[in-house]
PDB file of N, CA and C in Angstrom:
ATOM      1  N   MET A   1     -17.676   7.019 -31.135  1.00  0.00           N
ATOM      2  CA  MET A   1     -16.545   6.788 -32.235  1.00  0.00           C
ATOM      3  C   MET A   1     -16.305   5.136 -32.211  1.00  0.00           C
ATOM      4  N   LEU A   2     -16.491   4.543 -33.359  1.00  0.00           N
ATOM      5  CA  LEU A   2     -16.587   3.209 -33.432  1.00  0.00           C
ATOM      6  C   LEU A   2     -15.122   2.842 -33.902  1.00  0.00           C
ATOM      7  N   ILE A   3     -14.460   1.675 -33.390  1.00  0.00           N
ATOM      8  CA  ILE A   3     -12.983   1.249 -33.583  1.00  0.00           C
ATOM      9  C   ILE A   3     -13.349   0.087 -34.246  1.00  0.00           C
ATOM     10  N   SER A   4     -12.384  -0.596 -35.274  1.00  0.00           N
ATOM     11  CA  SER A   4     -12.286  -1.846 -35.709  1.00  0.00           C
ATOM     12  C   SER A   4     -11.749  -2.924 -35.085  1.00  0.00           C
ATOM     13  N   ASP A   5     -12.067  -4.076 -35.372  1.00  0.00           N
ATOM     14  CA  ASP A   5     -11.467  -5.308 -34.830  1.00  0.00           C
ATOM     15  C   ASP A   5     -10.201  -5.081 -34.568  1.00  0.00           C
ATOM     16  N   GLU A   6      -9.210  -4.711 -35.689  1.00  0.00           N
ATOM     17  CA  GLU A   6      -7.846  -4.652 -35.742  1.00  0.00           C
ATOM     18  C   GLU A   6      -7.336  -3.580 -34.939  1.00  0.00           C
ATOM     19  N   GLU A   7      -7.960  -2.519 -34.854  1.00  0.00           N
ATOM     20  CA  GLU A   7      -7.566  -1.476 -33.801  1.00  0.00           C
ATOM     21  C   GLU A   7      -7.665  -1.951 -32.219  1.00  0.00           C
ATOM     22  N   GLN A   8      -9.001  -2.546 -32.077  1.00  0.00           N
ATOM     23  CA  GLN A   8      -9.132  -3.028 -30.704  1.00  0.00           C
ATOM     24  C   GLN A   8      -8.122  -4.129 -30.359  1.00  0.00           C
ATOM     25  N   THR A   9      -7.904  -4.963 -31.345  1.00  0.00           N
ATOM     26  CA  THR A   9      -6.706  -5.709 -31.032  1.00  0.00           C
ATOM     27  C   THR A   9      -5.476  -5.419 -30.658  1.00  0.00           C
ATOM     28  N   VAL A  10      -4.993  -4.049 -31.440  1.00  0.00           N
ATOM     29  CA  VAL A  10      -3.762  -3.570 -31.154  1.00  0.00           C
ATOM     30  C   VAL A  10      -3.756  -3.007 -29.670  1.00  0.00           C
ATOM     31  N   LEU A  11      -4.977  -2.280 -29.351  1.00  0.00           N
ATOM     32  CA  LEU A  11      -5.042  -1.732 -27.860  1.00  0.00           C
ATOM     33  C   LEU A  11      -5.087  -2.770 -26.969  1.00  0.00           C
ATOM     34  N   GLU A  12      -5.602  -4.006 -27.152  1.00  0.00           N
ATOM     35  CA  GLU A  12      -5.489  -4.925 -26.003  1.00  0.00           C
ATOM     36  C   GLU A  12      -4.059  -5.431 -26.015  1.00  0.00           C
ATOM     37  N   GLU A  13      -3.304  -5.521 -27.231  1.00  0.00           N
ATOM     38  CA  GLU A  13      -2.121  -6.015 -26.872  1.00  0.00           C
ATOM     39  C   GLU A  13      -1.030  -4.758 -26.226  1.00  0.00           C
ATOM     40  N   GLU A  14      -1.622  -3.613 -26.451  1.00  0.00           N
ATOM     41  CA  GLU A  14      -0.812  -2.509 -25.750  1.00  0.00           C
ATOM     42  C   GLU A  14      -0.898  -2.603 -24.401  1.00  0.00           C
ATOM     43  N   GLN A  15      -2.133  -2.766 -24.099  1.00  0.00           N
ATOM     44  CA  GLN A  15      -2.691  -2.620 -22.598  1.00  0.00           C
ATOM     45  C   GLN A  15      -1.860  -3.969 -21.747  1.00  0.00           C
ATOM     46  N   ASP A  16      -1.779  -5.271 -22.637  1.00  0.00           N
ATOM     47  CA  ASP A  16      -1.084  -6.499 -22.282  1.00  0.00           C
ATOM     48  C   ASP A  16       0.183  -6.112 -21.902  1.00  0.00           C
ATOM     49  N   GLU A  17       0.835  -5.187 -22.830  1.00  0.00           N
ATOM     50  CA  GLU A  17       2.262  -5.236 -22.578  1.00  0.00           C
ATOM     51  C   GLU A  17       2.498  -3.990 -21.314  1.00  0.00           C
ATOM     52  N   ILE A  18       1.450  -3.230 -21.327  1.00  0.00           N
ATOM     53  CA  ILE A  18       1.808  -2.221 -20.018  1.00  0.00           C
ATOM     54  C   ILE A  18       1.452  -3.179 -18.586  1.00  0.00           C
ATOM     55  N   ASN A  19       0.438  -4.147 -18.432  1.00  0.00           N
ATOM     56  CA  ASN A  19       0.273  -4.782 -17.351  1.00  0.00           C
ATOM     57  C   ASN A  19       0.927  -6.196 -17.606  1.00  0.00           C
ATOM     58  N   ASP A  20       2.038  -6.036 -17.818  1.00  0.00           N
ATOM     59  CA  ASP A  20       2.730  -7.374 -18.134  1.00  0.00           C
ATOM     60  C   ASP A  20       3.629  -7.650 -16.995  1.00  0.00           C
ATOM     61  N   SER A  21       3.092  -8.443 -15.981  1.00  0.00           N
ATOM     62  CA  SER A  21       3.796  -8.722 -14.665  1.00  0.00           C
ATOM     63  C   SER A  21       4.050 -10.400 -14.542  1.00  0.00           C
ATOM     64  N   PRO A  22       5.205 -10.777 -13.812  1.00  0.00           N
ATOM     65  CA  PRO A  22       5.154 -12.263 -14.088  1.00  0.00           C
ATOM     66  C   PRO A  22       4.023 -12.940 -13.067  1.00  0.00           C
ATOM     67  N   VAL A  23       3.982 -12.063 -12.069  1.00  0.00           N
ATOM     68  CA  VAL A  23       2.757 -12.682 -10.977  1.00  0.00           C
ATOM     69  C   VAL A  23       1.298 -12.117 -11.411  1.00  0.00           C
ATOM     70  N   GLU A  24       0.653 -13.370 -11.534  1.00  0.00           N
ATOM     71  CA  GLU A  24      -0.599 -13.143 -12.093  1.00  0.00           C
ATOM     72  C   GLU A  24      -1.555 -12.558 -11.344  1.00  0.00           C
ATOM     73  N   GLU A  25      -1.500 -12.623 -10.082  1.00  0.00           N
ATOM     74  CA  GLU A  25      -2.418 -11.875  -8.938  1.00  0.00           C
ATOM     75  C   GLU A  25      -2.080 -10.293  -9.084  1.00  0.00           C
ATOM     76  N   ALA A  26      -0.798  -9.934  -9.180  1.00  0.00           N
ATOM     77  CA  ALA A  26      -0.540  -8.661  -9.326  1.00  0.00           C
ATOM     78  C   ALA A  26      -1.031  -8.039 -10.516  1.00  0.00           C
ATOM     79  N   LYS A  27      -0.612  -8.658 -11.594  1.00  0.00           N
ATOM     80  CA  LYS A  27      -1.193  -8.248 -12.918  1.00  0.00           C
ATOM     81  C   LYS A  27      -2.585  -7.745 -12.816  1.00  0.00           C
ATOM     82  N   LEU A  28      -3.512  -8.559 -12.239  1.00  0.00           N
ATOM     83  CA  LEU A  28      -4.726  -8.624 -12.135  1.00  0.00           C
ATOM     84  C   LEU A  28      -5.156  -7.226 -11.282  1.00  0.00           C
ATOM     85  N   THR A  29      -4.617  -7.180 -10.228  1.00  0.00           N
ATOM     86  CA  THR A  29      -5.040  -5.899  -9.112  1.00  0.00           C
ATOM     87  C   THR A  29      -4.097  -4.788  -9.022  1.00  0.00           C
ATOM     88  N   VAL A  30      -2.840  -4.711  -9.486  1.00  0.00           N
ATOM     89  CA  VAL A  30      -2.142  -3.378  -9.246  1.00  0.00           C
ATOM     90  C   VAL A  30      -1.561  -3.010 -10.717  1.00  0.00           C
ATOM     91  N   PRO A  31      -1.803  -1.974 -10.900  1.00  0.00           N
ATOM     92  CA  PRO A  31      -1.463  -1.247 -12.118  1.00  0.00           C
ATOM     93  C   PRO A  31      -0.093  -0.803 -11.964  1.00  0.00           C
ATOM     94  N   ILE A  32       0.879  -0.731 -13.127  1.00  0.00           N
ATOM     95  CA  ILE A  32       2.317  -0.907 -12.760  1.00  0.00           C
ATOM     96  C   ILE A  32       2.451   0.887 -13.279  1.00  0.00           C
ATOM     97  N   THR A  33       1.347   1.635 -14.030  1.00  0.00           N
ATOM     98  CA  THR A  33       1.604   2.965 -13.881  1.00  0.00           C
ATOM     99  C   THR A  33       1.465   3.755 -12.603  1.00  0.00           C
ATOM    100  N   ASP A  34       2.048   4.910 -12.583  1.00  0.00           N
ATOM    101  CA  ASP A  34       2.516   5.589 -11.502  1.00  0.00           C
ATOM    102  C   ASP A  34       1.513   7.036 -11.788  1.00  0.00           C
ATOM    103  N   ASP A  35       0.680   7.187 -10.612  1.00  0.00           N
ATOM    104  CA  ASP A  35      -0.062   8.348 -10.457  1.00  0.00           C
ATOM    105  C   ASP A  35       0.611   9.637  -9.931  1.00  0.00           C
ATOM    106  N   ARG A  36       0.951  10.343 -10.242  1.00  0.00           N
ATOM    107  CA  ARG A  36       1.850  11.223 -10.010  1.00  0.00           C
ATOM    108  C   ARG A  36       1.387  12.394  -9.094  1.00  0.00           C
ATOM    109  N   THR A  37      -0.068  12.454  -9.253  1.00  0.00           N
ATOM    110  CA  THR A  37      -0.843  13.608  -8.742  1.00  0.00           C
ATOM    111  C   THR A  37      -1.136  13.219  -7.255  1.00  0.00           C
ATOM    112  N   LEU A  38      -1.065  12.101  -6.727  1.00  0.00           N
ATOM    113  CA  LEU A  38      -1.408  11.572  -5.208  1.00  0.00           C
ATOM    114  C   LEU A  38      -0.433  12.043  -4.450  1.00  0.00           C
ATOM    115  N   PRO A  39      -0.601  12.646  -3.301  1.00  0.00           N
ATOM    116  CA  PRO A  39       0.400  13.200  -2.143  1.00  0.00           C
ATOM    117  C   PRO A  39       0.854  11.820  -1.753  1.00  0.00           C
ATOM    118  N   VAL A  40       2.416  12.093  -1.335  1.00  0.00           N
ATOM    119  CA  VAL A  40       3.028  10.809  -0.715  1.00  0.00           C
ATOM    120  C   VAL A  40       3.167  11.093   0.890  1.00  0.00           C
ATOM    121  N   LEU A  41       3.777  12.376   1.163  1.00  0.00           N
ATOM    122  CA  LEU A  41       4.067  12.894   2.482  1.00  0.00           C
ATOM    123  C   LEU A  41       2.987  13.500   2.999  1.00  0.00           C
ATOM    124  N   THR A  42       2.033  12.500   3.481  1.00  0.00           N
ATOM    125  CA  THR A  42       0.793  12.888   4.237  1.00  0.00           C
ATOM    126  C   THR A  42       1.016  12.930   5.748  1.00  0.00           C
ATOM    127  N   PHE A  43      -0.130  13.374   6.390  1.00  0.00           N
ATOM    128  CA  PHE A  43      -0.277  13.339   7.800  1.00  0.00           C
ATOM    129  C   PHE A  43      -0.319  12.054   8.274  1.00  0.00           C
ATOM    130  N   ARG A  44      -1.047  11.281   7.512  1.00  0.00           N
ATOM    131  CA  ARG A  44      -1.422   9.639   8.012  1.00  0.00           C
ATOM    132  C   ARG A  44      -0.228   9.205   7.679  1.00  0.00           C
ATOM    133  N   THR A  45       0.635   9.295   6.699  1.00  0.00           N
ATOM    134  CA  THR A  45       1.800   8.589   6.413  1.00  0.00           C
ATOM    135  C   THR A  45       2.647   8.773   7.825  1.00  0.00           C
ATOM    136  N   TRP A  46       3.053  10.049   8.109  1.00  0.00           N
ATOM    137  CA  TRP A  46       3.933  10.304   9.116  1.00  0.00           C
ATOM    138  C   TRP A  46       3.499   9.613  10.344  1.00  0.00           C
ATOM    139  N   VAL A  47       2.400   9.655  10.801  1.00  0.00           N
ATOM    140  CA  VAL A  47       1.855   9.442  11.988  1.00  0.00           C
ATOM    141  C   VAL A  47       1.633   7.676  12.078  1.00  0.00           C
ATOM    142  N   VAL A  48       1.231   7.261  11.262  1.00  0.00           N
ATOM    143  CA  VAL A  48       1.270   5.614  11.065  1.00  0.00           C
ATOM    144  C   VAL A  48       2.645   5.290  11.241  1.00  0.00           C
ATOM    145  N   GLY A  49       3.497   5.775  10.374  1.00  0.00           N
ATOM    146  CA  GLY A  49       4.902   5.304  10.185  1.00  0.00           C
ATOM    147  C   GLY A  49       5.490   5.618  11.770  1.00  0.00           C
ATOM    148  N   PHE A  50       5.838   6.708  12.195  1.00  0.00           N
ATOM    149  CA  PHE A  50       6.350   6.750  13.293  1.00  0.00           C
ATOM    150  C   PHE A  50       5.752   5.987  14.541  1.00  0.00           C
ATOM    151  N   THR A  51       4.514   6.032  14.645  1.00  0.00           N
ATOM    152  CA  THR A  51       3.963   5.282  15.818  1.00  0.00           C
ATOM    153  C   THR A  51       4.177   3.775  15.749  1.00  0.00           C
ATOM    154  N   SER A  52       4.167   3.331  14.374  1.00  0.00           N
ATOM    155  CA  SER A  52       4.232   2.022  14.271  1.00  0.00           C
ATOM    156  C   SER A  52       5.736   1.429  14.369  1.00  0.00           C
ATOM    157  N   CYS A  53       6.622   2.217  13.909  1.00  0.00           N
ATOM    158  CA  CYS A  53       8.024   2.149  14.261  1.00  0.00           C
ATOM    159  C   CYS A  53       8.407   2.154  15.643  1.00  0.00           C
ATOM    160  N   ILE A  54       7.787   2.951  16.547  1.00  0.00           N
ATOM    161  CA  ILE A  54       8.159   2.961  17.866  1.00  0.00           C
ATOM    162  C   ILE A  54       7.332   1.997  18.645  1.00  0.00           C
ATOM    163  N   LEU A  55       6.242   1.595  18.264  1.00  0.00           N
ATOM    164  CA  LEU A  55       5.418   0.429  19.036  1.00  0.00           C
ATOM    165  C   LEU A  55       6.038  -0.854  18.611  1.00  0.00           C
ATOM    166  N   VAL A  56       6.463  -1.209  17.583  1.00  0.00           N
ATOM    167  CA  VAL A  56       7.004  -2.410  17.291  1.00  0.00           C
ATOM    168  C   VAL A  56       8.219  -2.634  17.564  1.00  0.00           C
ATOM    169  N   ALA A  57       9.168  -1.634  17.809  1.00  0.00           N
ATOM    170  CA  ALA A  57      10.500  -1.788  18.517  1.00  0.00           C
ATOM    171  C   ALA A  57      10.374  -2.049  19.692  1.00  0.00           C
ATOM    172  N   PHE A  58       9.576  -1.179  20.401  1.00  0.00           N
ATOM    173  CA  PHE A  58       9.024  -1.536  21.906  1.00  0.00           C
ATOM    174  C   PHE A  58       8.836  -2.699  22.384  1.00  0.00           C
ATOM    175  N   LEU A  59       7.779  -3.234  21.522  1.00  0.00           N
ATOM    176  CA  LEU A  59       7.091  -4.502  21.613  1.00  0.00           C
ATOM    177  C   LEU A  59       8.196  -5.929  21.567  1.00  0.00           C
ATOM    178  N   SER A  60       8.972  -5.523  20.365  1.00  0.00           N
ATOM    179  CA  SER A  60       9.875  -6.464  20.068  1.00  0.00           C
ATOM    180  C   SER A  60      11.013  -6.545  21.155  1.00  0.00           C
ATOM    181  N   ARG A  61      11.431  -5.415  21.462  1.00  0.00           N
ATOM    182  CA  ARG A  61      12.607  -5.377  22.696  1.00  0.00           C
ATOM    183  C   ARG A  61      11.883  -6.052  24.029  1.00  0.00           C
ATOM    184  N   LEU A  62      10.591  -5.656  24.523  1.00  0.00           N
ATOM    185  CA  LEU A  62       9.952  -6.197  25.190  1.00  0.00           C
ATOM    186  C   LEU A  62       9.866  -7.653  25.679  1.00  0.00           C
ATOM    187  N   PHE A  63       9.498  -8.411  24.384  1.00  0.00           N
ATOM    188  CA  PHE A  63       9.094  -9.762  24.369  1.00  0.00           C
ATOM    189  C   PHE A  63      10.423 -10.561  24.329  1.00  0.00           C
ATOM    190  N   THR A  64      11.554  -9.859  24.069  1.00  0.00           N
ATOM    191  CA  THR A  64      12.850 -10.602  24.020  1.00  0.00           C
ATOM    192  C   THR A  64      13.457 -10.958  25.348  1.00  0.00           C
ATOM    193  N   TYR A  65      12.857 -10.164  26.264  1.00  0.00           N
ATOM    194  CA  TYR A  65      13.102 -10.340  27.786  1.00  0.00           C
ATOM    195  C   TYR A  65      12.253 -11.269  28.598  1.00  0.00           C
ATOM    196  N   ARG A  66      11.497 -11.834  27.809  1.00  0.00           N
ATOM    197  CA  ARG A  66      10.579 -13.041  28.547  1.00  0.00           C
ATOM    198  C   ARG A  66      11.414 -14.304  28.133  1.00  0.00           C
ATOM    199  N   GLN A  67      11.051 -15.214  29.122  1.00  0.00           N
ATOM    200  CA  GLN A  67      11.652 -16.536  28.986  1.00  0.00           C
ATOM    201  C   GLN A  67      11.096 -17.162  27.814  1.00  0.00           C
ATOM    202  N   ASN A  68      10.011 -17.414  27.655  1.00  0.00           N
ATOM    203  CA  ASN A  68       9.283 -17.845  26.241  1.00  0.00           C
ATOM    204  C   ASN A  68       9.249 -16.574  25.308  1.00  0.00           C
ATOM    205  N   GLN A  69      10.021 -16.470  24.516  1.00  0.00           N
ATOM    206  CA  GLN A  69       9.864 -15.194  23.441  1.00  0.00           C
ATOM    207  C   GLN A  69       8.947 -15.464  22.542  1.00  0.00           C
ATOM    208  N   VAL A  70       7.993 -14.180  22.397  1.00  0.00           N
ATOM    209  CA  VAL A  70       7.017 -14.180  21.518  1.00  0.00           C
ATOM    210  C   VAL A  70       7.506 -13.452  20.320  1.00  0.00           C
ATOM    211  N   PRO A  71       7.751 -13.973  19.109  1.00  0.00           N
ATOM    212  CA  PRO A  71       8.073 -13.301  17.623  1.00  0.00           C
ATOM    213  C   PRO A  71       6.871 -12.455  17.280  1.00  0.00           C
ATOM    214  N   ILE A  72       7.311 -11.438  16.813  1.00  0.00           N
ATOM    215  CA  ILE A  72       6.253 -10.552  16.073  1.00  0.00           C
ATOM    216  C   ILE A  72       6.538 -10.795  14.656  1.00  0.00           C
ATOM    217  N   THR A  73       5.974 -11.313  13.876  1.00  0.00           N
ATOM    218  CA  THR A  73       6.035 -11.590  12.198  1.00  0.00           C
ATOM    219  C   THR A  73       5.628  -9.966  11.778  1.00  0.00           C
ATOM    220  N   THR A  74       6.526  -9.794  10.456  1.00  0.00           N
ATOM    221  CA  THR A  74       6.469  -8.583   9.520  1.00  0.00           C
ATOM    222  C   THR A  74       4.963  -8.763   9.045  1.00  0.00           C
ATOM    223  N   VAL A  75       4.396  -9.782   8.641  1.00  0.00           N
ATOM    224  CA  VAL A  75       3.468  -9.900   7.636  1.00  0.00           C
ATOM    225  C   VAL A  75       2.070  -9.489   8.793  1.00  0.00           C
ATOM    226  N   ALA A  76       2.133  -9.935  10.206  1.00  0.00           N
ATOM    227  CA  ALA A  76       1.213  -9.447  11.059  1.00  0.00           C
ATOM    228  C   ALA A  76       1.283  -7.996  11.424  1.00  0.00           C
ATOM    229  N   ILE A  77       2.408  -7.574  11.493  1.00  0.00           N
ATOM    230  CA  ILE A  77       2.494  -5.940  11.498  1.00  0.00           C
ATOM    231  C   ILE A  77       2.031  -5.217  10.340  1.00  0.00           C
ATOM    232  N   GLN A  78       2.366  -5.817   9.003  1.00  0.00           N
ATOM    233  CA  GLN A  78       1.948  -4.988   8.028  1.00  0.00           C
ATOM    234  C   GLN A  78       0.581  -5.222   7.727  1.00  0.00           C
ATOM    235  N   ILE A  79      -0.325  -6.460   8.202  1.00  0.00           N
ATOM    236  CA  ILE A  79      -1.759  -6.281   8.160  1.00  0.00           C
ATOM    237  C   ILE A  79      -2.398  -5.103   8.890  1.00  0.00           C
ATOM    238  N   LEU A  80      -1.850  -5.080  10.135  1.00  0.00           N
ATOM    239  CA  LEU A  80      -2.127  -4.405  11.119  1.00  0.00           C
ATOM    240  C   LEU A  80      -2.212  -2.924  10.868  1.00  0.00           C
ATOM    241  N   ILE A  81      -1.001  -2.491  10.408  1.00  0.00           N
ATOM    242  CA  ILE A  81      -0.735  -1.321   9.914  1.00  0.00           C
ATOM    243  C   ILE A  81      -1.653  -0.875   8.705  1.00  0.00           C
ATOM    244  N   LEU A  82      -1.859  -1.843   7.859  1.00  0.00           N
ATOM    245  CA  LEU A  82      -2.628  -1.448   6.707  1.00  0.00           C
ATOM    246  C   LEU A  82      -4.325  -1.291   7.509  1.00  0.00           C
ATOM    247  N   LEU A  83      -4.724  -1.942   8.317  1.00  0.00           N
ATOM    248  CA  LEU A  83      -6.029  -1.701   8.930  1.00  0.00           C
ATOM    249  C   LEU A  83      -6.130  -0.206   9.394  1.00  0.00           C
ATOM    250  N   ILE A  84      -4.996  -0.119  10.068  1.00  0.00           N
ATOM    251  CA  ILE A  84      -4.968   1.202  10.844  1.00  0.00           C
ATOM    252  C   ILE A  84      -4.930   2.382  10.072  1.00  0.00           C
ATOM    253  N   GLY A  85      -4.259   2.240   8.831  1.00  0.00           N
ATOM    254  CA  GLY A  85      -4.289   3.174   7.787  1.00  0.00           C
ATOM    255  C   GLY A  85      -5.568   3.617   7.145  1.00  0.00           C
ATOM    256  N   LYS A  86      -6.023   2.439   6.945  1.00  0.00           N
ATOM    257  CA  LYS A  86      -7.640   2.184   6.506  1.00  0.00           C
ATOM    258  C   LYS A  86      -8.644   3.117   7.097  1.00  0.00           C
ATOM    259  N   LEU A  87      -8.448   2.755   8.592  1.00  0.00           N
ATOM    260  CA  LEU A  87      -9.343   3.456   9.728  1.00  0.00           C
ATOM    261  C   LEU A  87      -8.895   5.033   9.526  1.00  0.00           C
ATOM    262  N   LEU A  88      -7.880   5.409   9.399  1.00  0.00           N
ATOM    263  CA  LEU A  88      -7.618   6.676   9.384  1.00  0.00           C
ATOM    264  C   LEU A  88      -8.155   7.377   8.109  1.00  0.00           C
ATOM    265  N   GLU A  89      -8.036   6.852   7.037  1.00  0.00           N
ATOM    266  CA  GLU A  89      -8.384   7.025   5.834  1.00  0.00           C
ATOM    267  C   GLU A  89      -9.900   7.502   5.842  1.00  0.00           C
ATOM    268  N   ALA A  90     -10.596   6.496   6.382  1.00  0.00           N
ATOM    269  CA  ALA A  90     -12.240   6.852   6.701  1.00  0.00           C
ATOM    270  C   ALA A  90     -12.440   7.858   7.739  1.00  0.00           C
ATOM    271  N   THR A  91     -11.609   8.203   8.807  1.00  0.00           N
ATOM    272  CA  THR A  91     -11.878   9.263   9.758  1.00  0.00           C
ATOM    273  C   THR A  91     -11.401  10.416   9.812  1.00  0.00           C
ATOM    274  N   LEU A  92     -10.138  10.806   9.012  1.00  0.00           N
ATOM    275  CA  LEU A  92      -9.554  12.059   8.921  1.00  0.00           C
ATOM    276  C   LEU A  92     -10.090  12.720   7.806  1.00  0.00           C
ATOM    277  N   PRO A  93     -10.320  13.894   7.941  1.00  0.00           N
ATOM    278  CA  PRO A  93     -10.732  15.175   6.964  1.00  0.00           C
ATOM    279  C   PRO A  93      -9.873  14.993   5.566  1.00  0.00           C
ATOM    280  N   THR A  94     -10.428  15.349   4.386  1.00  0.00           N
ATOM    281  CA  THR A  94      -9.653  15.048   3.245  1.00  0.00           C
ATOM    282  C   THR A  94      -9.007  16.458   2.762  1.00  0.00           C
ATOM    283  N   GLY A  95      -9.460  17.510   3.575  1.00  0.00           N
ATOM    284  CA  GLY A  95      -8.806  18.706   3.034  1.00  0.00           C
ATOM    285  C   GLY A  95      -7.285  18.629   3.205  1.00  0.00           C
ATOM    286  N   SER A  96      -6.865  19.786   2.726  1.00  0.00           N
ATOM    287  CA  SER A  96      -5.389  20.074   2.806  1.00  0.00           C
ATOM    288  C   SER A  96      -5.172  21.405   3.191  1.00  0.00           C
ATOM    289  N   PHE A  97      -4.031  21.587   3.793  1.00  0.00           N
ATOM    290  CA  PHE A  97      -3.535  22.480   4.732  1.00  0.00           C
ATOM    291  C   PHE A  97      -2.187  23.126   4.145  1.00  0.00           C
ATOM    292  N   ARG A  98      -1.993  24.409   4.349  1.00  0.00           N
ATOM    293  CA  ARG A  98      -0.890  24.957   3.742  1.00  0.00           C
ATOM    294  C   ARG A  98      -0.224  25.825   5.035  1.00  0.00           C
ATOM    295  N   ILE A  99       1.044  25.469   5.152  1.00  0.00           N
ATOM    296  CA  ILE A  99       1.742  25.889   6.222  1.00  0.00           C
ATOM    297  C   ILE A  99       2.687  26.905   6.017  1.00  0.00           C
TER     298      ILE A  99
END
């Protein structure tokens, strides 16, 4: 099915309105639409969330007792957690379970 130039322009304008973000990098990489079919509370979410929370709290408290305190930045933790999540994504099975 062929569409005219006018219809193509209207479609492009509608697409630009949908992906209208003030941050250019976000507009190019992150869609603002929500895919409601993706599961949110997964095994990986709970495991990575709980273990990172416990580990970061322990390390933060441990490093505050040192004479030269070692700060743990949130950016470093987020990058580390992203890598762990991607590793689990590649290694965990994709099937679902019903309890």
